[in-house]
Amino acid sequence: MKRGFPTKKEALEWERTFLQQKTQDMDMTFSAFYELYKNDMKSRLKLNTWLTKENIIENKILPYFKDKK
């Protein structure tokens, strides 16, 4: 249960995203998929490797593909 959303629309959007992540459905945006990837891989990689990957993804890939499914 999560509280503190200013509007009902934002709460429903958060709920939809949360449920997509838990069902492992590939019908999600690239940015939502990246968040799953980040949570999974950050602890597995060395710090320098992760910082390099994060920089490339956030600065070169996400600006173009974040809203695509």
PDB file of N, CA and C in Angstrom:
ATOM      1  N   MET A   1       0.848  -1.179   0.000  1.00  0.00           N
ATOM      2  CA  MET A   1       0.000   0.000   0.000  1.00  0.00           C
ATOM      3  C   MET A   1       0.892   1.240   0.000  1.00  0.00           C
ATOM      4  N   LYS A   2       0.616   2.150  -0.883  1.00  0.00           N
ATOM      5  CA  LYS A   2       1.392   3.386  -0.965  1.00  0.00           C
ATOM      6  C   LYS A   2       0.430   4.554  -0.897  1.00  0.00           C
ATOM      7  N   ARG A   3       0.808   5.556  -0.148  1.00  0.00           N
ATOM      8  CA  ARG A   3      -0.051   6.721   0.028  1.00  0.00           C
ATOM      9  C   ARG A   3       0.703   7.995  -0.313  1.00  0.00           C
ATOM     10  N   GLY A   4      -0.047   9.096  -0.344  1.00  0.00           N
ATOM     11  CA  GLY A   4       0.577  10.397  -0.503  1.00  0.00           C
ATOM     12  C   GLY A   4       0.588  10.927  -1.922  1.00  0.00           C
ATOM     13  N   PHE A   5      -0.254  10.404  -2.790  1.00  0.00           N
ATOM     14  CA  PHE A   5      -0.314  10.911  -4.151  1.00  0.00           C
ATOM     15  C   PHE A   5      -1.199  12.156  -4.190  1.00  0.00           C
ATOM     16  N   PRO A   6      -0.784  13.172  -4.925  1.00  0.00           N
ATOM     17  CA  PRO A   6      -1.594  14.397  -4.996  1.00  0.00           C
ATOM     18  C   PRO A   6      -2.918  14.211  -5.743  1.00  0.00           C
ATOM     19  N   THR A   7      -2.927  13.328  -6.744  1.00  0.00           N
ATOM     20  CA  THR A   7      -4.154  13.121  -7.517  1.00  0.00           C
ATOM     21  C   THR A   7      -4.421  11.628  -7.674  1.00  0.00           C
ATOM     22  N   LYS A   8      -5.664  11.317  -7.957  1.00  0.00           N
ATOM     23  CA  LYS A   8      -6.048   9.930  -8.177  1.00  0.00           C
ATOM     24  C   LYS A   8      -5.392   9.382  -9.438  1.00  0.00           C
ATOM     25  N   LYS A   9      -5.231  10.244 -10.445  1.00  0.00           N
ATOM     26  CA  LYS A   9      -4.612   9.822 -11.703  1.00  0.00           C
ATOM     27  C   LYS A   9      -3.181   9.337 -11.464  1.00  0.00           C
ATOM     28  N   GLU A  10      -2.414  10.056 -10.653  1.00  0.00           N
ATOM     29  CA  GLU A  10      -1.044   9.644 -10.357  1.00  0.00           C
ATOM     30  C   GLU A  10      -1.021   8.340  -9.569  1.00  0.00           C
ATOM     31  N   ALA A  11      -1.959   8.160  -8.664  1.00  0.00           N
ATOM     32  CA  ALA A  11      -2.033   6.922  -7.894  1.00  0.00           C
ATOM     33  C   ALA A  11      -2.339   5.732  -8.801  1.00  0.00           C
ATOM     34  N   LEU A  12      -3.265   5.910  -9.728  1.00  0.00           N
ATOM     35  CA  LEU A  12      -3.603   4.831 -10.649  1.00  0.00           C
ATOM     36  C   LEU A  12      -2.451   4.516 -11.594  1.00  0.00           C
ATOM     37  N   GLU A  13      -1.712   5.523 -12.026  1.00  0.00           N
ATOM     38  CA  GLU A  13      -0.542   5.311 -12.886  1.00  0.00           C
ATOM     39  C   GLU A  13       0.529   4.521 -12.142  1.00  0.00           C
ATOM     40  N   TRP A  14       0.764   4.877 -10.869  1.00  0.00           N
ATOM     41  CA  TRP A  14       1.745   4.150 -10.070  1.00  0.00           C
ATOM     42  C   TRP A  14       1.301   2.699  -9.892  1.00  0.00           C
ATOM     43  N   GLU A  15       0.014   2.492  -9.624  1.00  0.00           N
ATOM     44  CA  GLU A  15      -0.505   1.141  -9.432  1.00  0.00           C
ATOM     45  C   GLU A  15      -0.345   0.310 -10.709  1.00  0.00           C
ATOM     46  N   ARG A  16      -0.634   0.888 -11.864  1.00  0.00           N
ATOM     47  CA  ARG A  16      -0.502   0.185 -13.133  1.00  0.00           C
ATOM     48  C   ARG A  16       0.953  -0.225 -13.379  1.00  0.00           C
ATOM     49  N   THR A  17       1.874   0.686 -13.125  1.00  0.00           N
ATOM     50  CA  THR A  17       3.296   0.399 -13.311  1.00  0.00           C
ATOM     51  C   THR A  17       3.764  -0.687 -12.347  1.00  0.00           C
ATOM     52  N   PHE A  18       3.338  -0.597 -11.103  1.00  0.00           N
ATOM     53  CA  PHE A  18       3.720  -1.581 -10.096  1.00  0.00           C
ATOM     54  C   PHE A  18       3.229  -2.976 -10.479  1.00  0.00           C
ATOM     55  N   LEU A  19       1.992  -3.066 -10.924  1.00  0.00           N
ATOM     56  CA  LEU A  19       1.441  -4.370 -11.300  1.00  0.00           C
ATOM     57  C   LEU A  19       2.123  -4.940 -12.535  1.00  0.00           C
ATOM     58  N   GLN A  20       2.503  -4.095 -13.478  1.00  0.00           N
ATOM     59  CA  GLN A  20       3.237  -4.562 -14.655  1.00  0.00           C
ATOM     60  C   GLN A  20       4.582  -5.143 -14.258  1.00  0.00           C
ATOM     61  N   GLN A  21       5.247  -4.506 -13.314  1.00  0.00           N
ATOM     62  CA  GLN A  21       6.547  -4.995 -12.888  1.00  0.00           C
ATOM     63  C   GLN A  21       6.429  -6.332 -12.174  1.00  0.00           C
ATOM     64  N   LYS A  22       5.397  -6.510 -11.401  1.00  0.00           N
ATOM     65  CA  LYS A  22       5.228  -7.752 -10.656  1.00  0.00           C
ATOM     66  C   LYS A  22       4.778  -8.910 -11.536  1.00  0.00           C
ATOM     67  N   THR A  23       4.037  -8.632 -12.593  1.00  0.00           N
ATOM     68  CA  THR A  23       3.585  -9.711 -13.466  1.00  0.00           C
ATOM     69  C   THR A  23       4.605 -10.050 -14.527  1.00  0.00           C
ATOM     70  N   GLN A  24       5.664  -9.284 -14.631  1.00  0.00           N
ATOM     71  CA  GLN A  24       6.720  -9.473 -15.615  1.00  0.00           C
ATOM     72  C   GLN A  24       6.161  -9.476 -17.031  1.00  0.00           C
ATOM     73  N   ASP A  25       5.220  -8.593 -17.268  1.00  0.00           N
ATOM     74  CA  ASP A  25       4.611  -8.440 -18.582  1.00  0.00           C
ATOM     75  C   ASP A  25       5.487  -7.509 -19.412  1.00  0.00           C
ATOM     76  N   MET A  26       5.768  -7.881 -20.640  1.00  0.00           N
ATOM     77  CA  MET A  26       6.628  -7.057 -21.479  1.00  0.00           C
ATOM     78  C   MET A  26       5.872  -5.910 -22.141  1.00  0.00           C
ATOM     79  N   ASP A  27       4.622  -5.716 -21.800  1.00  0.00           N
ATOM     80  CA  ASP A  27       3.847  -4.602 -22.321  1.00  0.00           C
ATOM     81  C   ASP A  27       4.023  -3.392 -21.402  1.00  0.00           C
ATOM     82  N   MET A  28       5.269  -2.923 -21.305  1.00  0.00           N
ATOM     83  CA  MET A  28       5.587  -1.774 -20.458  1.00  0.00           C
ATOM     84  C   MET A  28       6.499  -0.839 -21.219  1.00  0.00           C
ATOM     85  N   THR A  29       6.635   0.367 -20.713  1.00  0.00           N
ATOM     86  CA  THR A  29       7.520   1.323 -21.375  1.00  0.00           C
ATOM     87  C   THR A  29       8.978   0.940 -21.142  1.00  0.00           C
ATOM     88  N   PHE A  30       9.844   1.466 -21.978  1.00  0.00           N
ATOM     89  CA  PHE A  30      11.267   1.170 -21.857  1.00  0.00           C
ATOM     90  C   PHE A  30      11.816   1.694 -20.538  1.00  0.00           C
ATOM     91  N   SER A  31      11.326   2.851 -20.080  1.00  0.00           N
ATOM     92  CA  SER A  31      11.821   3.397 -18.815  1.00  0.00           C
ATOM     93  C   SER A  31      11.435   2.505 -17.634  1.00  0.00           C
ATOM     94  N   ALA A  32      10.240   1.904 -17.672  1.00  0.00           N
ATOM     95  CA  ALA A  32       9.834   0.979 -16.610  1.00  0.00           C
ATOM     96  C   ALA A  32      10.702  -0.282 -16.650  1.00  0.00           C
ATOM     97  N   PHE A  33      10.988  -0.755 -17.856  1.00  0.00           N
ATOM     98  CA  PHE A  33      11.861  -1.915 -17.992  1.00  0.00           C
ATOM     99  C   PHE A  33      13.262  -1.594 -17.491  1.00  0.00           C
ATOM    100  N   TYR A  34      13.742  -0.404 -17.761  1.00  0.00           N
ATOM    101  CA  TYR A  34      15.074   0.002 -17.291  1.00  0.00           C
ATOM    102  C   TYR A  34      15.125   0.020 -15.771  1.00  0.00           C
ATOM    103  N   GLU A  35      14.057   0.456 -15.120  1.00  0.00           N
ATOM    104  CA  GLU A  35      14.027   0.458 -13.652  1.00  0.00           C
ATOM    105  C   GLU A  35      14.148  -0.968 -13.105  1.00  0.00           C
ATOM    106  N   LEU A  36      13.468  -1.917 -13.733  1.00  0.00           N
ATOM    107  CA  LEU A  36      13.602  -3.317 -13.326  1.00  0.00           C
ATOM    108  C   LEU A  36      15.034  -3.809 -13.534  1.00  0.00           C
ATOM    109  N   TYR A  37      15.582  -3.471 -14.688  1.00  0.00           N
ATOM    110  CA  TYR A  37      16.950  -3.866 -15.002  1.00  0.00           C
ATOM    111  C   TYR A  37      17.932  -3.265 -14.005  1.00  0.00           C
ATOM    112  N   LYS A  38      17.743  -2.002 -13.686  1.00  0.00           N
ATOM    113  CA  LYS A  38      18.636  -1.312 -12.754  1.00  0.00           C
ATOM    114  C   LYS A  38      18.591  -1.965 -11.377  1.00  0.00           C
ATOM    115  N   ASN A  39      17.390  -2.257 -10.893  1.00  0.00           N
ATOM    116  CA  ASN A  39      17.260  -2.883  -9.570  1.00  0.00           C
ATOM    117  C   ASN A  39      17.897  -4.266  -9.545  1.00  0.00           C
ATOM    118  N   ASP A  40      17.835  -4.976 -10.662  1.00  0.00           N
ATOM    119  CA  ASP A  40      18.382  -6.319 -10.725  1.00  0.00           C
ATOM    120  C   ASP A  40      19.900  -6.323 -10.896  1.00  0.00           C
ATOM    121  N   MET A  41      20.424  -5.481 -11.762  1.00  0.00           N
ATOM    122  CA  MET A  41      21.832  -5.566 -12.137  1.00  0.00           C
ATOM    123  C   MET A  41      22.784  -4.726 -11.295  1.00  0.00           C
ATOM    124  N   LYS A  42      22.291  -3.720 -10.622  1.00  0.00           N
ATOM    125  CA  LYS A  42      23.183  -2.809  -9.900  1.00  0.00           C
ATOM    126  C   LYS A  42      24.023  -3.540  -8.860  1.00  0.00           C
ATOM    127  N   SER A  43      23.434  -4.489  -8.174  1.00  0.00           N
ATOM    128  CA  SER A  43      24.179  -5.202  -7.135  1.00  0.00           C
ATOM    129  C   SER A  43      25.107  -6.268  -7.702  1.00  0.00           C
ATOM    130  N   ARG A  44      24.917  -6.659  -8.949  1.00  0.00           N
ATOM    131  CA  ARG A  44      25.728  -7.717  -9.552  1.00  0.00           C
ATOM    132  C   ARG A  44      27.020  -7.219 -10.186  1.00  0.00           C
ATOM    133  N   LEU A  45      27.081  -5.935 -10.515  1.00  0.00           N
ATOM    134  CA  LEU A  45      28.218  -5.403 -11.260  1.00  0.00           C
ATOM    135  C   LEU A  45      29.134  -4.584 -10.369  1.00  0.00           C
ATOM    136  N   LYS A  46      30.375  -4.465 -10.791  1.00  0.00           N
ATOM    137  CA  LYS A  46      31.299  -3.574 -10.092  1.00  0.00           C
ATOM    138  C   LYS A  46      30.823  -2.139 -10.282  1.00  0.00           C
ATOM    139  N   LEU A  47      31.198  -1.275  -9.359  1.00  0.00           N
ATOM    140  CA  LEU A  47      30.719   0.101  -9.364  1.00  0.00           C
ATOM    141  C   LEU A  47      31.067   0.827 -10.660  1.00  0.00           C
ATOM    142  N   ASN A  48      32.300   0.720 -11.125  1.00  0.00           N
ATOM    143  CA  ASN A  48      32.704   1.435 -12.328  1.00  0.00           C
ATOM    144  C   ASN A  48      31.947   0.927 -13.559  1.00  0.00           C
ATOM    145  N   THR A  49      31.743  -0.373 -13.641  1.00  0.00           N
ATOM    146  CA  THR A  49      30.984  -0.940 -14.759  1.00  0.00           C
ATOM    147  C   THR A  49      29.557  -0.425 -14.737  1.00  0.00           C
ATOM    148  N   TRP A  50      28.959  -0.417 -13.543  1.00  0.00           N
ATOM    149  CA  TRP A  50      27.573   0.056 -13.446  1.00  0.00           C
ATOM    150  C   TRP A  50      27.468   1.540 -13.805  1.00  0.00           C
ATOM    151  N   LEU A  51      28.399   2.354 -13.350  1.00  0.00           N
ATOM    152  CA  LEU A  51      28.350   3.784 -13.652  1.00  0.00           C
ATOM    153  C   LEU A  51      28.469   4.038 -15.154  1.00  0.00           C
ATOM    154  N   THR A  52      29.297   3.247 -15.835  1.00  0.00           N
ATOM    155  CA  THR A  52      29.432   3.382 -17.286  1.00  0.00           C
ATOM    156  C   THR A  52      28.123   3.017 -17.983  1.00  0.00           C
ATOM    157  N   LYS A  53      27.537   1.874 -17.601  1.00  0.00           N
ATOM    158  CA  LYS A  53      26.263   1.450 -18.190  1.00  0.00           C
ATOM    159  C   LYS A  53      25.167   2.476 -17.919  1.00  0.00           C
ATOM    160  N   GLU A  54      25.093   2.948 -16.688  1.00  0.00           N
ATOM    161  CA  GLU A  54      24.061   3.912 -16.304  1.00  0.00           C
ATOM    162  C   GLU A  54      24.179   5.199 -17.115  1.00  0.00           C
ATOM    163  N   ASN A  55      25.399   5.673 -17.303  1.00  0.00           N
ATOM    164  CA  ASN A  55      25.621   6.884 -18.073  1.00  0.00           C
ATOM    165  C   ASN A  55      25.171   6.708 -19.524  1.00  0.00           C
ATOM    166  N   ILE A  56      25.528   5.606 -20.126  1.00  0.00           N
ATOM    167  CA  ILE A  56      25.152   5.361 -21.522  1.00  0.00           C
ATOM    168  C   ILE A  56      23.641   5.257 -21.661  1.00  0.00           C
ATOM    169  N   ILE A  57      23.021   4.484 -20.785  1.00  0.00           N
ATOM    170  CA  ILE A  57      21.567   4.280 -20.887  1.00  0.00           C
ATOM    171  C   ILE A  57      20.816   5.580 -20.643  1.00  0.00           C
ATOM    172  N   GLU A  58      21.149   6.288 -19.566  1.00  0.00           N
ATOM    173  CA  GLU A  58      20.379   7.478 -19.202  1.00  0.00           C
ATOM    174  C   GLU A  58      20.624   8.663 -20.124  1.00  0.00           C
ATOM    175  N   ASN A  59      21.802   8.787 -20.689  1.00  0.00           N
ATOM    176  CA  ASN A  59      22.103   9.956 -21.515  1.00  0.00           C
ATOM    177  C   ASN A  59      21.949   9.732 -23.020  1.00  0.00           C
ATOM    178  N   LYS A  60      22.056   8.484 -23.462  1.00  0.00           N
ATOM    179  CA  LYS A  60      22.022   8.240 -24.897  1.00  0.00           C
ATOM    180  C   LYS A  60      20.814   7.424 -25.346  1.00  0.00           C
ATOM    181  N   ILE A  61      20.312   6.522 -24.513  1.00  0.00           N
ATOM    182  CA  ILE A  61      19.219   5.645 -24.933  1.00  0.00           C
ATOM    183  C   ILE A  61      17.868   6.125 -24.428  1.00  0.00           C
ATOM    184  N   LEU A  62      17.756   6.415 -23.138  1.00  0.00           N
ATOM    185  CA  LEU A  62      16.465   6.803 -22.567  1.00  0.00           C
ATOM    186  C   LEU A  62      15.831   8.044 -23.185  1.00  0.00           C
ATOM    187  N   PRO A  63      16.580   9.067 -23.556  1.00  0.00           N
ATOM    188  CA  PRO A  63      15.905  10.228 -24.159  1.00  0.00           C
ATOM    189  C   PRO A  63      15.087   9.889 -25.401  1.00  0.00           C
ATOM    190  N   TYR A  64      15.455   8.862 -26.128  1.00  0.00           N
ATOM    191  CA  TYR A  64      14.753   8.500 -27.354  1.00  0.00           C
ATOM    192  C   TYR A  64      13.699   7.407 -27.148  1.00  0.00           C
ATOM    193  N   PHE A  65      13.939   6.486 -26.225  1.00  0.00           N
ATOM    194  CA  PHE A  65      13.097   5.306 -26.116  1.00  0.00           C
ATOM    195  C   PHE A  65      12.298   5.197 -24.823  1.00  0.00           C
ATOM    196  N   LYS A  66      12.347   6.179 -23.931  1.00  0.00           N
ATOM    197  CA  LYS A  66      11.729   6.010 -22.617  1.00  0.00           C
ATOM    198  C   LYS A  66      10.226   5.809 -22.659  1.00  0.00           C
ATOM    199  N   ASP A  67       9.518   6.357 -23.632  1.00  0.00           N
ATOM    200  CA  ASP A  67       8.073   6.220 -23.698  1.00  0.00           C
ATOM    201  C   ASP A  67       7.601   5.129 -24.662  1.00  0.00           C
ATOM    202  N   LYS A  68       8.533   4.449 -25.295  1.00  0.00           N
ATOM    203  CA  LYS A  68       8.173   3.370 -26.234  1.00  0.00           C
ATOM    204  C   LYS A  68       7.923   2.086 -25.465  1.00  0.00           C
ATOM    205  N   LYS A  69       7.046   1.268 -26.012  1.00  0.00           N
ATOM    206  CA  LYS A  69       6.779  -0.037 -25.374  1.00  0.00           C
ATOM    207  C   LYS A  69       7.729  -1.068 -25.905  1.00  0.00           C
TER     208      LYS A  69
END
